[in-house]
Amino acid sequence: SFLNQYIPESLIRLLHHQAEAKLGYGTIG
């Protein structure tokens, strides 16, 4: 769904933030 919501630069930024959040919450190692 993010593909229809954000320009490429924002998509990349958002994916990085998602990865950081998932690491911070222990969802991923």
PDB file of all heavy atoms in Angstrom:
ATOM      1  N   SER A   1       0.822  -1.221   0.000  1.00  0.00           N
ATOM      2  CA  SER A   1       0.000   0.000   0.000  1.00  0.00           C
ATOM      3  C   SER A   1       0.853   1.267   0.000  1.00  0.00           C
ATOM      4  O   SER A   1       0.402   2.324  -0.452  1.00  0.00           O
ATOM      5  CB  SER A   1      -0.949   0.015   1.192  1.00  0.00           C
ATOM      6  OG  SER A   1      -0.228   0.113   2.404  1.00  0.00           O
ATOM      7  N   PHE A   2       2.092   1.167   0.483  1.00  0.00           N
ATOM      8  CA  PHE A   2       2.973   2.340   0.516  1.00  0.00           C
ATOM      9  C   PHE A   2       3.332   2.825  -0.887  1.00  0.00           C
ATOM     10  O   PHE A   2       3.646   3.994  -1.073  1.00  0.00           O
ATOM     11  CB  PHE A   2       4.261   2.042   1.278  1.00  0.00           C
ATOM     12  CG  PHE A   2       4.083   1.865   2.759  1.00  0.00           C
ATOM     13  CD1 PHE A   2       5.141   1.438   3.534  1.00  0.00           C
ATOM     14  CD2 PHE A   2       2.874   2.113   3.390  1.00  0.00           C
ATOM     15  CE1 PHE A   2       5.003   1.275   4.906  1.00  0.00           C
ATOM     16  CE2 PHE A   2       2.719   1.954   4.761  1.00  0.00           C
ATOM     17  CZ  PHE A   2       3.797   1.530   5.522  1.00  0.00           C
ATOM     18  N   LEU A   3       3.294   1.930  -1.872  1.00  0.00           N
ATOM     19  CA  LEU A   3       3.661   2.309  -3.237  1.00  0.00           C
ATOM     20  C   LEU A   3       2.716   3.371  -3.796  1.00  0.00           C
ATOM     21  O   LEU A   3       3.145   4.211  -4.592  1.00  0.00           O
ATOM     22  CB  LEU A   3       3.667   1.081  -4.153  1.00  0.00           C
ATOM     23  CG  LEU A   3       4.726   0.027  -3.840  1.00  0.00           C
ATOM     24  CD1 LEU A   3       4.519  -1.194  -4.721  1.00  0.00           C
ATOM     25  CD2 LEU A   3       6.128   0.592  -3.997  1.00  0.00           C
ATOM     26  N   ASN A   4       1.466   3.336  -3.382  1.00  0.00           N
ATOM     27  CA  ASN A   4       0.481   4.310  -3.864  1.00  0.00           C
ATOM     28  C   ASN A   4       0.364   5.525  -2.957  1.00  0.00           C
ATOM     29  O   ASN A   4      -0.467   6.399  -3.207  1.00  0.00           O
ATOM     30  CB  ASN A   4      -0.893   3.648  -3.993  1.00  0.00           C
ATOM     31  CG  ASN A   4      -0.897   2.572  -5.041  1.00  0.00           C
ATOM     32  OD1 ASN A   4      -0.254   2.702  -6.068  1.00  0.00           O
ATOM     33  ND2 ASN A   4      -1.607   1.494  -4.779  1.00  0.00           N
ATOM     34  N   GLN A   5       1.174   5.573  -1.907  1.00  0.00           N
ATOM     35  CA  GLN A   5       1.052   6.654  -0.939  1.00  0.00           C
ATOM     36  C   GLN A   5       2.240   7.608  -0.902  1.00  0.00           C
ATOM     37  O   GLN A   5       2.083   8.753  -0.482  1.00  0.00           O
ATOM     38  CB  GLN A   5       0.868   6.073   0.467  1.00  0.00           C
ATOM     39  CG  GLN A   5      -0.411   5.287   0.630  1.00  0.00           C
ATOM     40  CD  GLN A   5      -0.529   4.724   2.030  1.00  0.00           C
ATOM     41  OE1 GLN A   5      -0.172   5.369   3.006  1.00  0.00           O
ATOM     42  NE2 GLN A   5      -1.025   3.505   2.126  1.00  0.00           N
ATOM     43  N   TYR A   6       3.432   7.136  -1.314  1.00  0.00           N
ATOM     44  CA  TYR A   6       4.643   7.934  -1.111  1.00  0.00           C
ATOM     45  C   TYR A   6       5.527   7.973  -2.351  1.00  0.00           C
ATOM     46  O   TYR A   6       5.617   7.001  -3.102  1.00  0.00           O
ATOM     47  CB  TYR A   6       5.462   7.378   0.061  1.00  0.00           C
ATOM     48  CG  TYR A   6       4.670   7.309   1.333  1.00  0.00           C
ATOM     49  CD1 TYR A   6       4.181   6.105   1.816  1.00  0.00           C
ATOM     50  CD2 TYR A   6       4.374   8.465   2.046  1.00  0.00           C
ATOM     51  CE1 TYR A   6       3.432   6.045   2.981  1.00  0.00           C
ATOM     52  CE2 TYR A   6       3.624   8.418   3.210  1.00  0.00           C
ATOM     53  CZ  TYR A   6       3.155   7.201   3.671  1.00  0.00           C
ATOM     54  OH  TYR A   6       2.414   7.148   4.815  1.00  0.00           O
ATOM     55  N   ILE A   7       6.229   9.101  -2.515  1.00  0.00           N
ATOM     56  CA  ILE A   7       7.225   9.210  -3.573  1.00  0.00           C
ATOM     57  C   ILE A   7       8.425   8.322  -3.199  1.00  0.00           C
ATOM     58  O   ILE A   7       8.567   7.930  -2.037  1.00  0.00           O
ATOM     59  CB  ILE A   7       7.656  10.677  -3.797  1.00  0.00           C
ATOM     60  CG1 ILE A   7       8.381  11.231  -2.563  1.00  0.00           C
ATOM     61  CG2 ILE A   7       6.459  11.546  -4.195  1.00  0.00           C
ATOM     62  CD1 ILE A   7       9.045  12.584  -2.790  1.00  0.00           C
ATOM     63  N   PRO A   8       9.283   7.990  -4.163  1.00  0.00           N
ATOM     64  CA  PRO A   8      10.389   7.067  -3.888  1.00  0.00           C
ATOM     65  C   PRO A   8      11.271   7.442  -2.688  1.00  0.00           C
ATOM     66  O   PRO A   8      11.605   6.580  -1.867  1.00  0.00           O
ATOM     67  CB  PRO A   8      11.196   7.079  -5.188  1.00  0.00           C
ATOM     68  CG  PRO A   8      10.168   7.354  -6.243  1.00  0.00           C
ATOM     69  CD  PRO A   8       9.217   8.328  -5.598  1.00  0.00           C
ATOM     70  N   GLU A   9      11.638   8.710  -2.562  1.00  0.00           N
ATOM     71  CA  GLU A   9      12.505   9.121  -1.456  1.00  0.00           C
ATOM     72  C   GLU A   9      11.833   8.853  -0.109  1.00  0.00           C
ATOM     73  O   GLU A   9      12.471   8.391   0.837  1.00  0.00           O
ATOM     74  CB  GLU A   9      12.873  10.603  -1.572  1.00  0.00           C
ATOM     75  CG  GLU A   9      13.769  10.936  -2.744  1.00  0.00           C
ATOM     76  CD  GLU A   9      12.997  11.172  -4.060  1.00  0.00           C
ATOM     77  OE1 GLU A   9      11.766  10.957  -4.106  1.00  0.00           O
ATOM     78  OE2 GLU A   9      13.657  11.548  -5.044  1.00  0.00           O
ATOM     79  N   SER A  10      10.553   9.160  -0.032  1.00  0.00           N
ATOM     80  CA  SER A  10       9.816   8.941   1.215  1.00  0.00           C
ATOM     81  C   SER A  10       9.617   7.451   1.485  1.00  0.00           C
ATOM     82  O   SER A  10       9.660   7.013   2.633  1.00  0.00           O
ATOM     83  CB  SER A  10       8.464   9.655   1.165  1.00  0.00           C
ATOM     84  OG  SER A  10       8.665  11.051   1.154  1.00  0.00           O
ATOM     85  N   LEU A  11       9.393   6.680   0.436  1.00  0.00           N
ATOM     86  CA  LEU A  11       9.257   5.235   0.592  1.00  0.00           C
ATOM     87  C   LEU A  11      10.523   4.634   1.204  1.00  0.00           C
ATOM     88  O   LEU A  11      10.446   3.850   2.157  1.00  0.00           O
ATOM     89  CB  LEU A  11       8.961   4.575  -0.760  1.00  0.00           C
ATOM     90  CG  LEU A  11       8.882   3.055  -0.747  1.00  0.00           C
ATOM     91  CD1 LEU A  11       7.677   2.572   0.035  1.00  0.00           C
ATOM     92  CD2 LEU A  11       8.848   2.518  -2.182  1.00  0.00           C
ATOM     93  N   ILE A  12      11.661   5.027   0.699  1.00  0.00           N
ATOM     94  CA  ILE A  12      12.937   4.518   1.232  1.00  0.00           C
ATOM     95  C   ILE A  12      13.097   4.935   2.687  1.00  0.00           C
ATOM     96  O   ILE A  12      13.452   4.123   3.548  1.00  0.00           O
ATOM     97  CB  ILE A  12      14.127   5.018   0.372  1.00  0.00           C
ATOM     98  CG1 ILE A  12      14.053   4.420  -1.045  1.00  0.00           C
ATOM     99  CG2 ILE A  12      15.458   4.704   1.047  1.00  0.00           C
ATOM    100  CD1 ILE A  12      14.109   2.909  -1.117  1.00  0.00           C
ATOM    101  N   ARG A  13      12.834   6.191   2.991  1.00  0.00           N
ATOM    102  CA  ARG A  13      12.939   6.689   4.364  1.00  0.00           C
ATOM    103  C   ARG A  13      12.003   5.903   5.290  1.00  0.00           C
ATOM    104  O   ARG A  13      12.387   5.492   6.386  1.00  0.00           O
ATOM    105  CB  ARG A  13      12.607   8.186   4.397  1.00  0.00           C
ATOM    106  CG  ARG A  13      12.920   8.851   5.717  1.00  0.00           C
ATOM    107  CD  ARG A  13      12.722  10.375   5.684  1.00  0.00           C
ATOM    108  NE  ARG A  13      13.311  10.994   4.514  1.00  0.00           N
ATOM    109  CZ  ARG A  13      12.616  11.653   3.578  1.00  0.00           C
ATOM    110  NH1 ARG A  13      11.306  11.770   3.676  1.00  0.00           N
ATOM    111  NH2 ARG A  13      13.218  12.196   2.547  1.00  0.00           N
ATOM    112  N   LEU A  14      10.785   5.683   4.819  1.00  0.00           N
ATOM    113  CA  LEU A  14       9.796   4.952   5.607  1.00  0.00           C
ATOM    114  C   LEU A  14      10.228   3.506   5.852  1.00  0.00           C
ATOM    115  O   LEU A  14      10.085   2.992   6.969  1.00  0.00           O
ATOM    116  CB  LEU A  14       8.440   4.988   4.893  1.00  0.00           C
ATOM    117  CG  LEU A  14       7.264   4.358   5.601  1.00  0.00           C
ATOM    118  CD1 LEU A  14       6.995   5.072   6.929  1.00  0.00           C
ATOM    119  CD2 LEU A  14       6.039   4.413   4.730  1.00  0.00           C
ATOM    120  N   LEU A  15      10.766   2.852   4.837  1.00  0.00           N
ATOM    121  CA  LEU A  15      11.239   1.475   5.015  1.00  0.00           C
ATOM    122  C   LEU A  15      12.382   1.414   6.029  1.00  0.00           C
ATOM    123  O   LEU A  15      12.427   0.496   6.857  1.00  0.00           O
ATOM    124  CB  LEU A  15      11.670   0.878   3.673  1.00  0.00           C
ATOM    125  CG  LEU A  15      10.536   0.598   2.683  1.00  0.00           C
ATOM    126  CD1 LEU A  15      11.104   0.195   1.331  1.00  0.00           C
ATOM    127  CD2 LEU A  15       9.586  -0.468   3.219  1.00  0.00           C
ATOM    128  N   HIS A  16      13.293   2.380   5.971  1.00  0.00           N
ATOM    129  CA  HIS A  16      14.374   2.431   6.972  1.00  0.00           C
ATOM    130  C   HIS A  16      13.791   2.612   8.375  1.00  0.00           C
ATOM    131  O   HIS A  16      14.217   1.942   9.314  1.00  0.00           O
ATOM    132  CB  HIS A  16      15.364   3.552   6.655  1.00  0.00           C
ATOM    133  CG  HIS A  16      16.449   3.165   5.713  1.00  0.00           C
ATOM    134  ND1 HIS A  16      17.330   2.134   5.952  1.00  0.00           N
ATOM    135  CD2 HIS A  16      16.811   3.679   4.513  1.00  0.00           C
ATOM    136  CE1 HIS A  16      18.181   2.026   4.951  1.00  0.00           C
ATOM    137  NE2 HIS A  16      17.881   2.952   4.055  1.00  0.00           N
ATOM    138  N   HIS A  17      12.829   3.501   8.508  1.00  0.00           N
ATOM    139  CA  HIS A  17      12.219   3.735   9.823  1.00  0.00           C
ATOM    140  C   HIS A  17      11.474   2.497  10.313  1.00  0.00           C
ATOM    141  O   HIS A  17      11.509   2.187  11.515  1.00  0.00           O
ATOM    142  CB  HIS A  17      11.287   4.943   9.774  1.00  0.00           C
ATOM    143  CG  HIS A  17      12.011   6.232   9.567  1.00  0.00           C
ATOM    144  ND1 HIS A  17      11.405   7.339   9.018  1.00  0.00           N
ATOM    145  CD2 HIS A  17      13.292   6.595   9.812  1.00  0.00           C
ATOM    146  CE1 HIS A  17      12.291   8.322   8.948  1.00  0.00           C
ATOM    147  NE2 HIS A  17      13.437   7.893   9.418  1.00  0.00           N
ATOM    148  N   GLN A  18      10.826   1.791   9.406  1.00  0.00           N
ATOM    149  CA  GLN A  18      10.139   0.553   9.779  1.00  0.00           C
ATOM    150  C   GLN A  18      11.138  -0.484  10.291  1.00  0.00           C
ATOM    151  O   GLN A  18      10.888  -1.153  11.296  1.00  0.00           O
ATOM    152  CB  GLN A  18       9.368  -0.019   8.577  1.00  0.00           C
ATOM    153  CG  GLN A  18       8.149   0.774   8.196  1.00  0.00           C
ATOM    154  CD  GLN A  18       7.049   0.630   9.227  1.00  0.00           C
ATOM    155  OE1 GLN A  18       6.654  -0.468   9.581  1.00  0.00           O
ATOM    156  NE2 GLN A  18       6.551   1.747   9.715  1.00  0.00           N
ATOM    157  N   ALA A  19      12.264  -0.615   9.601  1.00  0.00           N
ATOM    158  CA  ALA A  19      13.294  -1.571  10.014  1.00  0.00           C
ATOM    159  C   ALA A  19      13.834  -1.210  11.395  1.00  0.00           C
ATOM    160  O   ALA A  19      13.998  -2.085  12.260  1.00  0.00           O
ATOM    161  CB  ALA A  19      14.423  -1.605   8.985  1.00  0.00           C
ATOM    162  N   GLU A  20      14.104   0.074  11.620  1.00  0.00           N
ATOM    163  CA  GLU A  20      14.615   0.520  12.915  1.00  0.00           C
ATOM    164  C   GLU A  20      13.599   0.266  14.024  1.00  0.00           C
ATOM    165  O   GLU A  20      13.960  -0.196  15.119  1.00  0.00           O
ATOM    166  CB  GLU A  20      14.969   2.005  12.854  1.00  0.00           C
ATOM    167  CG  GLU A  20      16.163   2.300  11.979  1.00  0.00           C
ATOM    168  CD  GLU A  20      16.343   3.779  11.686  1.00  0.00           C
ATOM    169  OE1 GLU A  20      15.555   4.615  12.190  1.00  0.00           O
ATOM    170  OE2 GLU A  20      17.270   4.103  10.932  1.00  0.00           O
ATOM    171  N   ALA A  21      12.336   0.542  13.748  1.00  0.00           N
ATOM    172  CA  ALA A  21      11.292   0.325  14.757  1.00  0.00           C
ATOM    173  C   ALA A  21      11.137  -1.157  15.078  1.00  0.00           C
ATOM    174  O   ALA A  21      11.030  -1.548  16.254  1.00  0.00           O
ATOM    175  CB  ALA A  21       9.966   0.905  14.282  1.00  0.00           C
ATOM    176  N   LYS A  22      11.154  -1.998  14.061  1.00  0.00           N
ATOM    177  CA  LYS A  22      11.014  -3.436  14.283  1.00  0.00           C
ATOM    178  C   LYS A  22      12.201  -3.987  15.069  1.00  0.00           C
ATOM    179  O   LYS A  22      12.035  -4.851  15.928  1.00  0.00           O
ATOM    180  CB  LYS A  22      10.837  -4.168  12.962  1.00  0.00           C
ATOM    181  CG  LYS A  22       9.439  -3.972  12.393  1.00  0.00           C
ATOM    182  CD  LYS A  22       9.284  -4.682  11.069  1.00  0.00           C
ATOM    183  CE  LYS A  22       7.869  -4.537  10.561  1.00  0.00           C
ATOM    184  NZ  LYS A  22       6.940  -5.478  11.184  1.00  0.00           N
ATOM    185  N   LEU A  23      13.379  -3.475  14.816  1.00  0.00           N
ATOM    186  CA  LEU A  23      14.547  -3.884  15.591  1.00  0.00           C
ATOM    187  C   LEU A  23      14.399  -3.408  17.029  1.00  0.00           C
ATOM    188  O   LEU A  23      14.630  -4.173  17.971  1.00  0.00           O
ATOM    189  CB  LEU A  23      15.834  -3.318  14.978  1.00  0.00           C
ATOM    190  CG  LEU A  23      17.122  -3.624  15.739  1.00  0.00           C
ATOM    191  CD1 LEU A  23      17.411  -5.119  15.755  1.00  0.00           C
ATOM    192  CD2 LEU A  23      18.285  -2.850  15.135  1.00  0.00           C
ATOM    193  N   GLY A  24      13.992  -2.180  17.202  1.00  0.00           N
ATOM    194  CA  GLY A  24      13.836  -1.599  18.535  1.00  0.00           C
ATOM    195  C   GLY A  24      12.819  -2.336  19.389  1.00  0.00           C
ATOM    196  O   GLY A  24      12.990  -2.471  20.597  1.00  0.00           O
ATOM    197  N   TYR A  25      11.765  -2.823  18.757  1.00  0.00           N
ATOM    198  CA  TYR A  25      10.730  -3.556  19.489  1.00  0.00           C
ATOM    199  C   TYR A  25      11.020  -5.053  19.577  1.00  0.00           C
ATOM    200  O   TYR A  25      10.245  -5.795  20.176  1.00  0.00           O
ATOM    201  CB  TYR A  25       9.360  -3.345  18.846  1.00  0.00           C
ATOM    202  CG  TYR A  25       8.756  -2.017  19.193  1.00  0.00           C
ATOM    203  CD1 TYR A  25       8.607  -1.025  18.237  1.00  0.00           C
ATOM    204  CD2 TYR A  25       8.345  -1.736  20.490  1.00  0.00           C
ATOM    205  CE1 TYR A  25       8.054   0.204  18.555  1.00  0.00           C
ATOM    206  CE2 TYR A  25       7.795  -0.504  20.824  1.00  0.00           C
ATOM    207  CZ  TYR A  25       7.647   0.453  19.851  1.00  0.00           C
ATOM    208  OH  TYR A  25       7.103   1.668  20.169  1.00  0.00           O
ATOM    209  N   GLY A  26      12.103  -5.488  18.950  1.00  0.00           N
ATOM    210  CA  GLY A  26      12.454  -6.896  19.006  1.00  0.00           C
ATOM    211  C   GLY A  26      11.657  -7.776  18.053  1.00  0.00           C
ATOM    212  O   GLY A  26      11.702  -8.995  18.155  1.00  0.00           O
ATOM    213  N   THR A  27      10.938  -7.163  17.124  1.00  0.00           N
ATOM    214  CA  THR A  27      10.180  -7.928  16.137  1.00  0.00           C
ATOM    215  C   THR A  27      11.120  -8.648  15.183  1.00  0.00           C
ATOM    216  O   THR A  27      10.810  -9.739  14.715  1.00  0.00           O
ATOM    217  CB  THR A  27       9.232  -7.002  15.339  1.00  0.00           C
ATOM    218  OG1 THR A  27       8.447  -6.259  16.268  1.00  0.00           O
ATOM    219  CG2 THR A  27       8.330  -7.782  14.419  1.00  0.00           C
ATOM    220  N   ILE A  28      12.238  -8.012  14.881  1.00  0.00           N
ATOM    221  CA  ILE A  28      13.292  -8.640  14.086  1.00  0.00           C
ATOM    222  C   ILE A  28      14.598  -8.517  14.864  1.00  0.00           C
ATOM    223  O   ILE A  28      14.759  -7.625  15.692  1.00  0.00           O
ATOM    224  CB  ILE A  28      13.444  -8.009  12.678  1.00  0.00           C
ATOM    225  CG1 ILE A  28      13.832  -6.529  12.763  1.00  0.00           C
ATOM    226  CG2 ILE A  28      12.191  -8.219  11.853  1.00  0.00           C
ATOM    227  CD1 ILE A  28      14.203  -5.896  11.431  1.00  0.00           C
ATOM    228  N   GLY A  29      15.513  -9.415  14.569  1.00  0.00           N
ATOM    229  CA  GLY A  29      16.819  -9.379  15.207  1.00  0.00           C
ATOM    230  C   GLY A  29      17.818  -8.598  14.383  1.00  0.00           C
ATOM    231  O   GLY A  29      17.521  -8.157  13.259  1.00  0.00           O
TER     232      GLY A  29
END
